[in-house]
Amino acid sequence: SETWHPLLLRAMSSIPAVTAGDSVWWHCDLIHGVA
């Protein structure tokens, strides 16, 4: 959260545009969210 981790959230980066059939993957420890 912004309360405790503002440094980390500066790096939050969206996936690019994707097409049906593309797949998206992220390391099991990676911080993630949905806009």
Full PDB file with SEQRES, HELIX, SHEET, SSBOND, CRYST1, ORIGX, SCALE, CONECT and MASTER records, all heavy atoms in Angstrom:
SEQRES   1 A   35  SER GLU THR TRP HIS PRO LEU LEU LEU ARG ALA MET SER          
SEQRES   2 A   35  SER ILE PRO ALA VAL THR ALA GLY ASP SER VAL TRP TRP          
SEQRES   3 A   35  HIS CYS ASP LEU ILE HIS GLY VAL ALA                          
HELIX    1 AA1 PRO A    6  LEU A    9  1                                   4    
CRYST1    1.000    1.000    1.000  90.00  90.00  90.00 P 1           1          
ORIGX1      1.000000  0.000000  0.000000        0.00000                         
ORIGX2      0.000000  1.000000  0.000000        0.00000                         
ORIGX3      0.000000  0.000000  1.000000        0.00000                         
SCALE1      1.000000  0.000000  0.000000        0.00000                         
SCALE2      0.000000  1.000000  0.000000        0.00000                         
SCALE3      0.000000  0.000000  1.000000        0.00000                         
ATOM      1  N   SER A   1       0.812  -1.217   0.000  1.00  0.00           N  
ATOM      2  CA  SER A   1       0.000   0.000   0.000  1.00  0.00           C  
ATOM      3  C   SER A   1       0.844   1.264   0.000  1.00  0.00           C  
ATOM      4  O   SER A   1       2.035   1.255   0.340  1.00  0.00           O  
ATOM      5  CB  SER A   1      -0.894   0.008   1.243  1.00  0.00           C  
ATOM      6  OG  SER A   1      -0.098   0.145   2.428  1.00  0.00           O  
ATOM      7  N   GLU A   2       0.198   2.378  -0.367  1.00  0.00           N  
ATOM      8  CA  GLU A   2       0.847   3.689  -0.305  1.00  0.00           C  
ATOM      9  C   GLU A   2       1.225   4.046   1.123  1.00  0.00           C  
ATOM     10  O   GLU A   2       2.197   4.759   1.361  1.00  0.00           O  
ATOM     11  CB  GLU A   2      -0.082   4.762  -0.880  1.00  0.00           C  
ATOM     12  CG  GLU A   2      -0.211   4.750  -2.387  1.00  0.00           C  
ATOM     13  CD  GLU A   2       1.044   5.283  -3.086  1.00  0.00           C  
ATOM     14  OE1 GLU A   2       1.956   5.768  -2.385  1.00  0.00           O  
ATOM     15  OE2 GLU A   2       1.107   5.199  -4.322  1.00  0.00           O  
ATOM     16  N   THR A   3       0.468   3.551   2.092  1.00  0.00           N  
ATOM     17  CA  THR A   3       0.767   3.852   3.489  1.00  0.00           C  
ATOM     18  C   THR A   3       2.143   3.351   3.895  1.00  0.00           C  
ATOM     19  O   THR A   3       2.912   4.062   4.548  1.00  0.00           O  
ATOM     20  CB  THR A   3      -0.303   3.219   4.402  1.00  0.00           C  
ATOM     21  OG1 THR A   3      -1.587   3.723   4.048  1.00  0.00           O  
ATOM     22  CG2 THR A   3      -0.019   3.522   5.871  1.00  0.00           C  
ATOM     23  N   TRP A   4       2.468   2.112   3.499  1.00  0.00           N  
ATOM     24  CA  TRP A   4       3.688   1.465   3.969  1.00  0.00           C  
ATOM     25  C   TRP A   4       4.746   1.264   2.893  1.00  0.00           C  
ATOM     26  O   TRP A   4       5.923   1.091   3.207  1.00  0.00           O  
ATOM     27  CB  TRP A   4       3.350   0.096   4.586  1.00  0.00           C  
ATOM     28  CG  TRP A   4       2.383   0.158   5.723  1.00  0.00           C  
ATOM     29  CD1 TRP A   4       1.121  -0.363   5.751  1.00  0.00           C  
ATOM     30  CD2 TRP A   4       2.587   0.758   7.003  1.00  0.00           C  
ATOM     31  NE1 TRP A   4       0.513  -0.125   6.964  1.00  0.00           N  
ATOM     32  CE2 TRP A   4       1.395   0.561   7.759  1.00  0.00           C  
ATOM     33  CE3 TRP A   4       3.650   1.450   7.595  1.00  0.00           C  
ATOM     34  CZ2 TRP A   4       1.253   1.029   9.064  1.00  0.00           C  
ATOM     35  CZ3 TRP A   4       3.513   1.917   8.890  1.00  0.00           C  
ATOM     36  CH2 TRP A   4       2.325   1.706   9.609  1.00  0.00           C  
ATOM     37  N   HIS A   5       4.354   1.255   1.622  1.00  0.00           N  
ATOM     38  CA  HIS A   5       5.295   0.869   0.565  1.00  0.00           C  
ATOM     39  C   HIS A   5       5.257   1.828  -0.632  1.00  0.00           C  
ATOM     40  O   HIS A   5       5.238   1.379  -1.789  1.00  0.00           O  
ATOM     41  CB  HIS A   5       4.962  -0.546   0.068  1.00  0.00           C  
ATOM     42  CG  HIS A   5       4.698  -1.554   1.139  1.00  0.00           C  
ATOM     43  ND1 HIS A   5       3.419  -1.873   1.549  1.00  0.00           N  
ATOM     44  CD2 HIS A   5       5.539  -2.322   1.873  1.00  0.00           C  
ATOM     45  CE1 HIS A   5       3.481  -2.804   2.495  1.00  0.00           C  
ATOM     46  NE2 HIS A   5       4.745  -3.088   2.715  1.00  0.00           N  
ATOM     47  N   PRO A   6       5.237   3.136  -0.428  1.00  0.00           N  
ATOM     48  CA  PRO A   6       5.122   4.040  -1.587  1.00  0.00           C  
ATOM     49  C   PRO A   6       6.271   3.887  -2.584  1.00  0.00           C  
ATOM     50  O   PRO A   6       6.062   4.056  -3.788  1.00  0.00           O  
ATOM     51  CB  PRO A   6       5.106   5.436  -0.944  1.00  0.00           C  
ATOM     52  CG  PRO A   6       5.720   5.259   0.406  1.00  0.00           C  
ATOM     53  CD  PRO A   6       5.340   3.877   0.839  1.00  0.00           C  
ATOM     54  N   LEU A   7       7.464   3.566  -2.101  1.00  0.00           N  
ATOM     55  CA  LEU A   7       8.599   3.375  -3.014  1.00  0.00           C  
ATOM     56  C   LEU A   7       8.296   2.287  -4.029  1.00  0.00           C  
ATOM     57  O   LEU A   7       8.536   2.455  -5.232  1.00  0.00           O  
ATOM     58  CB  LEU A   7       9.849   3.019  -2.207  1.00  0.00           C  
ATOM     59  CG  LEU A   7      11.072   2.565  -3.019  1.00  0.00           C  
ATOM     60  CD1 LEU A   7      11.559   3.669  -3.941  1.00  0.00           C  
ATOM     61  CD2 LEU A   7      12.200   2.106  -2.092  1.00  0.00           C  
ATOM     62  N   LEU A   8       7.771   1.160  -3.557  1.00  0.00           N  
ATOM     63  CA  LEU A   8       7.519   0.038  -4.457  1.00  0.00           C  
ATOM     64  C   LEU A   8       6.447   0.380  -5.484  1.00  0.00           C  
ATOM     65  O   LEU A   8       6.562   0.018  -6.668  1.00  0.00           O  
ATOM     66  CB  LEU A   8       7.096  -1.194  -3.654  1.00  0.00           C  
ATOM     67  CG  LEU A   8       8.076  -1.686  -2.586  1.00  0.00           C  
ATOM     68  CD1 LEU A   8       7.542  -2.948  -1.918  1.00  0.00           C  
ATOM     69  CD2 LEU A   8       9.450  -1.939  -3.185  1.00  0.00           C  
ATOM     70  N   LEU A   9       5.412   1.087  -5.049  1.00  0.00           N  
ATOM     71  CA  LEU A   9       4.285   1.335  -5.946  1.00  0.00           C  
ATOM     72  C   LEU A   9       4.635   2.311  -7.068  1.00  0.00           C  
ATOM     73  O   LEU A   9       3.932   2.363  -8.079  1.00  0.00           O  
ATOM     74  CB  LEU A   9       3.081   1.823  -5.146  1.00  0.00           C  
ATOM     75  CG  LEU A   9       2.498   0.762  -4.196  1.00  0.00           C  
ATOM     76  CD1 LEU A   9       1.284   1.312  -3.455  1.00  0.00           C  
ATOM     77  CD2 LEU A   9       2.117  -0.505  -4.957  1.00  0.00           C  
ATOM     78  N   ARG A  10       5.723   3.052  -6.905  1.00  0.00           N  
ATOM     79  CA  ARG A  10       6.186   3.895  -8.018  1.00  0.00           C  
ATOM     80  C   ARG A  10       6.516   3.063  -9.246  1.00  0.00           C  
ATOM     81  O   ARG A  10       6.441   3.552 -10.391  1.00  0.00           O  
ATOM     82  CB  ARG A  10       7.418   4.688  -7.591  1.00  0.00           C  
ATOM     83  CG  ARG A  10       7.133   5.911  -6.747  1.00  0.00           C  
ATOM     84  CD  ARG A  10       8.397   6.471  -6.119  1.00  0.00           C  
ATOM     85  NE  ARG A  10       9.546   6.517  -7.026  1.00  0.00           N  
ATOM     86  CZ  ARG A  10      10.800   6.704  -6.617  1.00  0.00           C  
ATOM     87  NH1 ARG A  10      11.065   6.854  -5.326  1.00  0.00           N  
ATOM     88  NH2 ARG A  10      11.787   6.737  -7.495  1.00  0.00           N  
ATOM     89  N   ALA A  11       6.871   1.788  -9.039  1.00  0.00           N  
ATOM     90  CA  ALA A  11       7.289   0.936 -10.165  1.00  0.00           C  
ATOM     91  C   ALA A  11       6.129   0.164 -10.783  1.00  0.00           C  
ATOM     92  O   ALA A  11       6.342  -0.563 -11.765  1.00  0.00           O  
ATOM     93  CB  ALA A  11       8.366  -0.042  -9.704  1.00  0.00           C  
ATOM     94  N   MET A  12       4.915   0.282 -10.248  1.00  0.00           N  
ATOM     95  CA  MET A  12       3.784  -0.482 -10.802  1.00  0.00           C  
ATOM     96  C   MET A  12       3.642  -0.191 -12.293  1.00  0.00           C  
ATOM     97  O   MET A  12       3.481   0.961 -12.701  1.00  0.00           O  
ATOM     98  CB  MET A  12       2.492  -0.136 -10.069  1.00  0.00           C  
ATOM     99  CG  MET A  12       2.320  -0.838  -8.742  1.00  0.00           C  
ATOM    100  SD  MET A  12       1.977  -2.625  -8.888  1.00  0.00           S  
ATOM    101  CE  MET A  12       0.189  -2.652  -8.928  1.00  0.00           C  
ATOM    102  N   SER A  13       3.688  -1.235 -13.100  1.00  0.00           N  
ATOM    103  CA  SER A  13       3.729  -1.082 -14.561  1.00  0.00           C  
ATOM    104  C   SER A  13       2.725  -2.019 -15.219  1.00  0.00           C  
ATOM    105  O   SER A  13       2.672  -3.209 -14.918  1.00  0.00           O  
ATOM    106  CB  SER A  13       5.140  -1.404 -15.084  1.00  0.00           C  
ATOM    107  OG  SER A  13       6.095  -0.540 -14.505  1.00  0.00           O  
ATOM    108  N   SER A  14       1.972  -1.470 -16.136  1.00  0.00           N  
ATOM    109  CA  SER A  14       0.933  -2.230 -16.825  1.00  0.00           C  
ATOM    110  C   SER A  14       1.521  -3.194 -17.844  1.00  0.00           C  
ATOM    111  O   SER A  14       2.573  -2.920 -18.447  1.00  0.00           O  
ATOM    112  CB  SER A  14      -0.024  -1.275 -17.545  1.00  0.00           C  
ATOM    113  OG  SER A  14      -0.980  -1.990 -18.321  1.00  0.00           O  
ATOM    114  N   ILE A  15       0.815  -4.304 -18.049  1.00  0.00           N  
ATOM    115  CA  ILE A  15       1.115  -5.114 -19.219  1.00  0.00           C  
ATOM    116  C   ILE A  15       0.825  -4.289 -20.474  1.00  0.00           C  
ATOM    117  O   ILE A  15       0.022  -3.357 -20.441  1.00  0.00           O  
ATOM    118  CB  ILE A  15       0.280  -6.417 -19.249  1.00  0.00           C  
ATOM    119  CG1 ILE A  15      -1.227  -6.112 -19.228  1.00  0.00           C  
ATOM    120  CG2 ILE A  15       0.659  -7.352 -18.147  1.00  0.00           C  
ATOM    121  CD1 ILE A  15      -2.100  -7.335 -19.477  1.00  0.00           C  
ATOM    122  N   PRO A  16       1.473  -4.608 -21.574  1.00  0.00           N  
ATOM    123  CA  PRO A  16       1.124  -3.943 -22.831  1.00  0.00           C  
ATOM    124  C   PRO A  16      -0.222  -4.468 -23.351  1.00  0.00           C  
ATOM    125  O   PRO A  16      -0.829  -5.353 -22.745  1.00  0.00           O  
ATOM    126  CB  PRO A  16       2.271  -4.358 -23.749  1.00  0.00           C  
ATOM    127  CG  PRO A  16       2.714  -5.692 -23.225  1.00  0.00           C  
ATOM    128  CD  PRO A  16       2.543  -5.607 -21.731  1.00  0.00           C  
ATOM    129  N   ALA A  17      -0.675  -3.921 -24.451  1.00  0.00           N  
ATOM    130  CA  ALA A  17      -1.867  -4.468 -25.102  1.00  0.00           C  
ATOM    131  C   ALA A  17      -1.645  -5.942 -25.400  1.00  0.00           C  
ATOM    132  O   ALA A  17      -0.536  -6.347 -25.784  1.00  0.00           O  
ATOM    133  CB  ALA A  17      -2.149  -3.699 -26.392  1.00  0.00           C  
ATOM    134  N   VAL A  18      -2.669  -6.743 -25.192  1.00  0.00           N  
ATOM    135  CA  VAL A  18      -2.567  -8.170 -25.496  1.00  0.00           C  
ATOM    136  C   VAL A  18      -3.677  -8.572 -26.454  1.00  0.00           C  
ATOM    137  O   VAL A  18      -4.736  -7.947 -26.526  1.00  0.00           O  
ATOM    138  CB  VAL A  18      -2.624  -9.049 -24.223  1.00  0.00           C  
ATOM    139  CG1 VAL A  18      -1.424  -8.799 -23.335  1.00  0.00           C  
ATOM    140  CG2 VAL A  18      -3.909  -8.826 -23.456  1.00  0.00           C  
ATOM    141  N   THR A  19      -3.400  -9.633 -27.180  1.00  0.00           N  
ATOM    142  CA  THR A  19      -4.327 -10.205 -28.149  1.00  0.00           C  
ATOM    143  C   THR A  19      -4.796 -11.551 -27.635  1.00  0.00           C  
ATOM    144  O   THR A  19      -4.046 -12.261 -26.948  1.00  0.00           O  
ATOM    145  CB  THR A  19      -3.617 -10.372 -29.508  1.00  0.00           C  
ATOM    146  OG1 THR A  19      -3.219  -9.085 -29.978  1.00  0.00           O  
ATOM    147  CG2 THR A  19      -4.514 -11.030 -30.536  1.00  0.00           C  
ATOM    148  N   ALA A  20      -6.017 -11.918 -27.932  1.00  0.00           N  
ATOM    149  CA  ALA A  20      -6.512 -13.242 -27.564  1.00  0.00           C  
ATOM    150  C   ALA A  20      -5.509 -14.301 -28.011  1.00  0.00           C  
ATOM    151  O   ALA A  20      -5.053 -14.289 -29.151  1.00  0.00           O  
ATOM    152  CB  ALA A  20      -7.873 -13.495 -28.207  1.00  0.00           C  
ATOM    153  N   GLY A  21      -5.144 -15.186 -27.080  1.00  0.00           N  
ATOM    154  CA  GLY A  21      -4.143 -16.210 -27.355  1.00  0.00           C  
ATOM    155  C   GLY A  21      -2.779 -15.906 -26.777  1.00  0.00           C  
ATOM    156  O   GLY A  21      -1.945 -16.810 -26.633  1.00  0.00           O  
ATOM    157  N   ASP A  22      -2.518 -14.621 -26.443  1.00  0.00           N  
ATOM    158  CA  ASP A  22      -1.299 -14.286 -25.713  1.00  0.00           C  
ATOM    159  C   ASP A  22      -1.435 -14.785 -24.273  1.00  0.00           C  
ATOM    160  O   ASP A  22      -2.547 -14.914 -23.743  1.00  0.00           O  
ATOM    161  CB  ASP A  22      -1.068 -12.772 -25.677  1.00  0.00           C  
ATOM    162  CG  ASP A  22      -0.756 -12.179 -27.033  1.00  0.00           C  
ATOM    163  OD1 ASP A  22      -0.432 -12.943 -27.964  1.00  0.00           O  
ATOM    164  OD2 ASP A  22      -0.834 -10.934 -27.157  1.00  0.00           O  
ATOM    165  N   SER A  23      -0.302 -15.033 -23.615  1.00  0.00           N  
ATOM    166  CA  SER A  23      -0.337 -15.364 -22.195  1.00  0.00           C  
ATOM    167  C   SER A  23       0.583 -14.430 -21.429  1.00  0.00           C  
ATOM    168  O   SER A  23       1.557 -13.908 -21.970  1.00  0.00           O  
ATOM    169  CB  SER A  23       0.018 -16.829 -21.936  1.00  0.00           C  
ATOM    170  OG  SER A  23       1.332 -17.137 -22.364  1.00  0.00           O  
ATOM    171  N   VAL A  24       0.254 -14.223 -20.154  1.00  0.00           N  
ATOM    172  CA  VAL A  24       0.937 -13.272 -19.288  1.00  0.00           C  
ATOM    173  C   VAL A  24       1.384 -14.023 -18.040  1.00  0.00           C  
ATOM    174  O   VAL A  24       0.606 -14.787 -17.456  1.00  0.00           O  
ATOM    175  CB  VAL A  24      -0.015 -12.120 -18.913  1.00  0.00           C  
ATOM    176  CG1 VAL A  24       0.616 -11.192 -17.893  1.00  0.00           C  
ATOM    177  CG2 VAL A  24      -0.444 -11.350 -20.164  1.00  0.00           C  
ATOM    178  N   TRP A  25       2.644 -13.787 -17.606  1.00  0.00           N  
ATOM    179  CA  TRP A  25       3.216 -14.577 -16.514  1.00  0.00           C  
ATOM    180  C   TRP A  25       3.991 -13.674 -15.568  1.00  0.00           C  
ATOM    181  O   TRP A  25       4.628 -12.723 -16.000  1.00  0.00           O  
ATOM    182  CB  TRP A  25       4.173 -15.640 -17.082  1.00  0.00           C  
ATOM    183  CG  TRP A  25       3.511 -16.566 -18.050  1.00  0.00           C  
ATOM    184  CD1 TRP A  25       3.375 -16.384 -19.405  1.00  0.00           C  
ATOM    185  CD2 TRP A  25       2.871 -17.804 -17.747  1.00  0.00           C  
ATOM    186  NE1 TRP A  25       2.694 -17.441 -19.955  1.00  0.00           N  
ATOM    187  CE2 TRP A  25       2.370 -18.331 -18.969  1.00  0.00           C  
ATOM    188  CE3 TRP A  25       2.682 -18.544 -16.574  1.00  0.00           C  
ATOM    189  CZ2 TRP A  25       1.695 -19.546 -19.030  1.00  0.00           C  
ATOM    190  CZ3 TRP A  25       2.013 -19.750 -16.632  1.00  0.00           C  
ATOM    191  CH2 TRP A  25       1.520 -20.244 -17.856  1.00  0.00           C  
ATOM    192  N   TRP A  26       3.942 -13.998 -14.264  1.00  0.00           N  
ATOM    193  CA  TRP A  26       4.724 -13.237 -13.288  1.00  0.00           C  
ATOM    194  C   TRP A  26       5.180 -14.158 -12.154  1.00  0.00           C  
ATOM    195  O   TRP A  26       4.494 -15.074 -11.745  1.00  0.00           O  
ATOM    196  CB  TRP A  26       3.952 -12.033 -12.762  1.00  0.00           C  
ATOM    197  CG  TRP A  26       2.659 -12.323 -12.047  1.00  0.00           C  
ATOM    198  CD1 TRP A  26       2.453 -12.344 -10.683  1.00  0.00           C  
ATOM    199  CD2 TRP A  26       1.366 -12.598 -12.636  1.00  0.00           C  
ATOM    200  NE1 TRP A  26       1.132 -12.623 -10.401  1.00  0.00           N  
ATOM    201  CE2 TRP A  26       0.444 -12.784 -11.574  1.00  0.00           C  
ATOM    202  CE3 TRP A  26       0.908 -12.707 -13.962  1.00  0.00           C  
ATOM    203  CZ2 TRP A  26      -0.904 -13.072 -11.790  1.00  0.00           C  
ATOM    204  CZ3 TRP A  26      -0.443 -13.005 -14.165  1.00  0.00           C  
ATOM    205  CH2 TRP A  26      -1.323 -13.177 -13.094  1.00  0.00           C  
ATOM    206  N   HIS A  27       6.413 -13.915 -11.683  1.00  0.00           N  
ATOM    207  CA  HIS A  27       7.056 -14.662 -10.608  1.00  0.00           C  
ATOM    208  C   HIS A  27       6.134 -14.715  -9.391  1.00  0.00           C  
ATOM    209  O   HIS A  27       5.428 -13.756  -9.085  1.00  0.00           O  
ATOM    210  CB  HIS A  27       8.381 -13.960 -10.266  1.00  0.00           C  
ATOM    211  CG  HIS A  27       9.222 -14.617  -9.226  1.00  0.00           C  
ATOM    212  ND1 HIS A  27       8.905 -14.598  -7.883  1.00  0.00           N  
ATOM    213  CD2 HIS A  27      10.402 -15.287  -9.320  1.00  0.00           C  
ATOM    214  CE1 HIS A  27       9.848 -15.230  -7.204  1.00  0.00           C  
ATOM    215  NE2 HIS A  27      10.770 -15.658  -8.050  1.00  0.00           N  
ATOM    216  N   CYS A  28       6.170 -15.838  -8.676  1.00  0.00           N  
ATOM    217  CA  CYS A  28       5.216 -16.066  -7.585  1.00  0.00           C  
ATOM    218  C   CYS A  28       5.329 -15.057  -6.449  1.00  0.00           C  
ATOM    219  O   CYS A  28       4.387 -14.908  -5.667  1.00  0.00           O  
ATOM    220  CB  CYS A  28       5.378 -17.481  -7.041  1.00  0.00           C  
ATOM    221  SG  CYS A  28       7.056 -17.884  -6.481  1.00  0.00           S  
ATOM    222  N   ASP A  29       6.450 -14.340  -6.318  1.00  0.00           N  
ATOM    223  CA  ASP A  29       6.590 -13.308  -5.284  1.00  0.00           C  
ATOM    224  C   ASP A  29       6.226 -11.920  -5.777  1.00  0.00           C  
ATOM    225  O   ASP A  29       6.218 -10.967  -4.993  1.00  0.00           O  
ATOM    226  CB  ASP A  29       8.042 -13.244  -4.782  1.00  0.00           C  
ATOM    227  CG  ASP A  29       8.433 -14.405  -3.895  1.00  0.00           C  
ATOM    228  OD1 ASP A  29       7.543 -15.147  -3.448  1.00  0.00           O  
ATOM    229  OD2 ASP A  29       9.653 -14.579  -3.651  1.00  0.00           O  
ATOM    230  N   LEU A  30       5.967 -11.766  -7.067  1.00  0.00           N  
ATOM    231  CA  LEU A  30       5.855 -10.423  -7.631  1.00  0.00           C  
ATOM    232  C   LEU A  30       4.592  -9.710  -7.128  1.00  0.00           C  
ATOM    233  O   LEU A  30       3.504 -10.285  -7.089  1.00  0.00           O  
ATOM    234  CB  LEU A  30       5.830 -10.499  -9.160  1.00  0.00           C  
ATOM    235  CG  LEU A  30       6.627  -9.413  -9.882  1.00  0.00           C  
ATOM    236  CD1 LEU A  30       8.091  -9.462  -9.524  1.00  0.00           C  
ATOM    237  CD2 LEU A  30       6.455  -9.546 -11.389  1.00  0.00           C  
ATOM    238  N   ILE A  31       4.774  -8.455  -6.754  1.00  0.00           N  
ATOM    239  CA  ILE A  31       3.645  -7.607  -6.366  1.00  0.00           C  
ATOM    240  C   ILE A  31       2.832  -7.309  -7.620  1.00  0.00           C  
ATOM    241  O   ILE A  31       3.381  -6.913  -8.652  1.00  0.00           O  
ATOM    242  CB  ILE A  31       4.157  -6.308  -5.732  1.00  0.00           C  
ATOM    243  CG1 ILE A  31       4.931  -6.609  -4.442  1.00  0.00           C  
ATOM    244  CG2 ILE A  31       3.015  -5.332  -5.464  1.00  0.00           C  
ATOM    245  CD1 ILE A  31       5.858  -5.483  -4.011  1.00  0.00           C  
ATOM    246  N   HIS A  32       1.514  -7.500  -7.523  1.00  0.00           N  
ATOM    247  CA  HIS A  32       0.671  -7.269  -8.692  1.00  0.00           C  
ATOM    248  C   HIS A  32      -0.714  -6.784  -8.259  1.00  0.00           C  
ATOM    249  O   HIS A  32      -1.111  -6.937  -7.109  1.00  0.00           O  
ATOM    250  CB  HIS A  32       0.547  -8.537  -9.546  1.00  0.00           C  
ATOM    251  CG  HIS A  32      -0.002  -9.726  -8.814  1.00  0.00           C  
ATOM    252  ND1 HIS A  32       0.729 -10.451  -7.892  1.00  0.00           N  
ATOM    253  CD2 HIS A  32      -1.223 -10.332  -8.865  1.00  0.00           C  
ATOM    254  CE1 HIS A  32      -0.004 -11.448  -7.408  1.00  0.00           C  
ATOM    255  NE2 HIS A  32      -1.193 -11.395  -7.978  1.00  0.00           N  
ATOM    256  N   GLY A  33      -1.414  -6.204  -9.187  1.00  0.00           N  
ATOM    257  CA  GLY A  33      -2.771  -5.729  -8.951  1.00  0.00           C  
ATOM    258  C   GLY A  33      -3.439  -5.482 -10.289  1.00  0.00           C  
ATOM    259  O   GLY A  33      -2.821  -5.626 -11.354  1.00  0.00           O  
ATOM    260  N   VAL A  34      -4.706  -5.113 -10.242  1.00  0.00           N  
ATOM    261  CA  VAL A  34      -5.475  -4.840 -11.456  1.00  0.00           C  
ATOM    262  C   VAL A  34      -5.994  -3.415 -11.368  1.00  0.00           C  
ATOM    263  O   VAL A  34      -6.589  -3.022 -10.352  1.00  0.00           O  
ATOM    264  CB  VAL A  34      -6.642  -5.837 -11.623  1.00  0.00           C  
ATOM    265  CG1 VAL A  34      -7.439  -5.517 -12.887  1.00  0.00           C  
ATOM    266  CG2 VAL A  34      -6.114  -7.273 -11.671  1.00  0.00           C  
ATOM    267  N   ALA A  35      -5.761  -2.639 -12.406  1.00  0.00           N  
ATOM    268  CA  ALA A  35      -6.159  -1.230 -12.403  1.00  0.00           C  
ATOM    269  C   ALA A  35      -7.681  -1.104 -12.458  1.00  0.00           C  
ATOM    270  O   ALA A  35      -8.363  -1.946 -13.046  1.00  0.00           O  
ATOM    271  CB  ALA A  35      -5.530  -0.512 -13.592  1.00  0.00           C  
TER     272      ALA A  35                                                      
MASTER        0    0    0    1    0    0    0    6  271    1    0    3          
END                                                                             
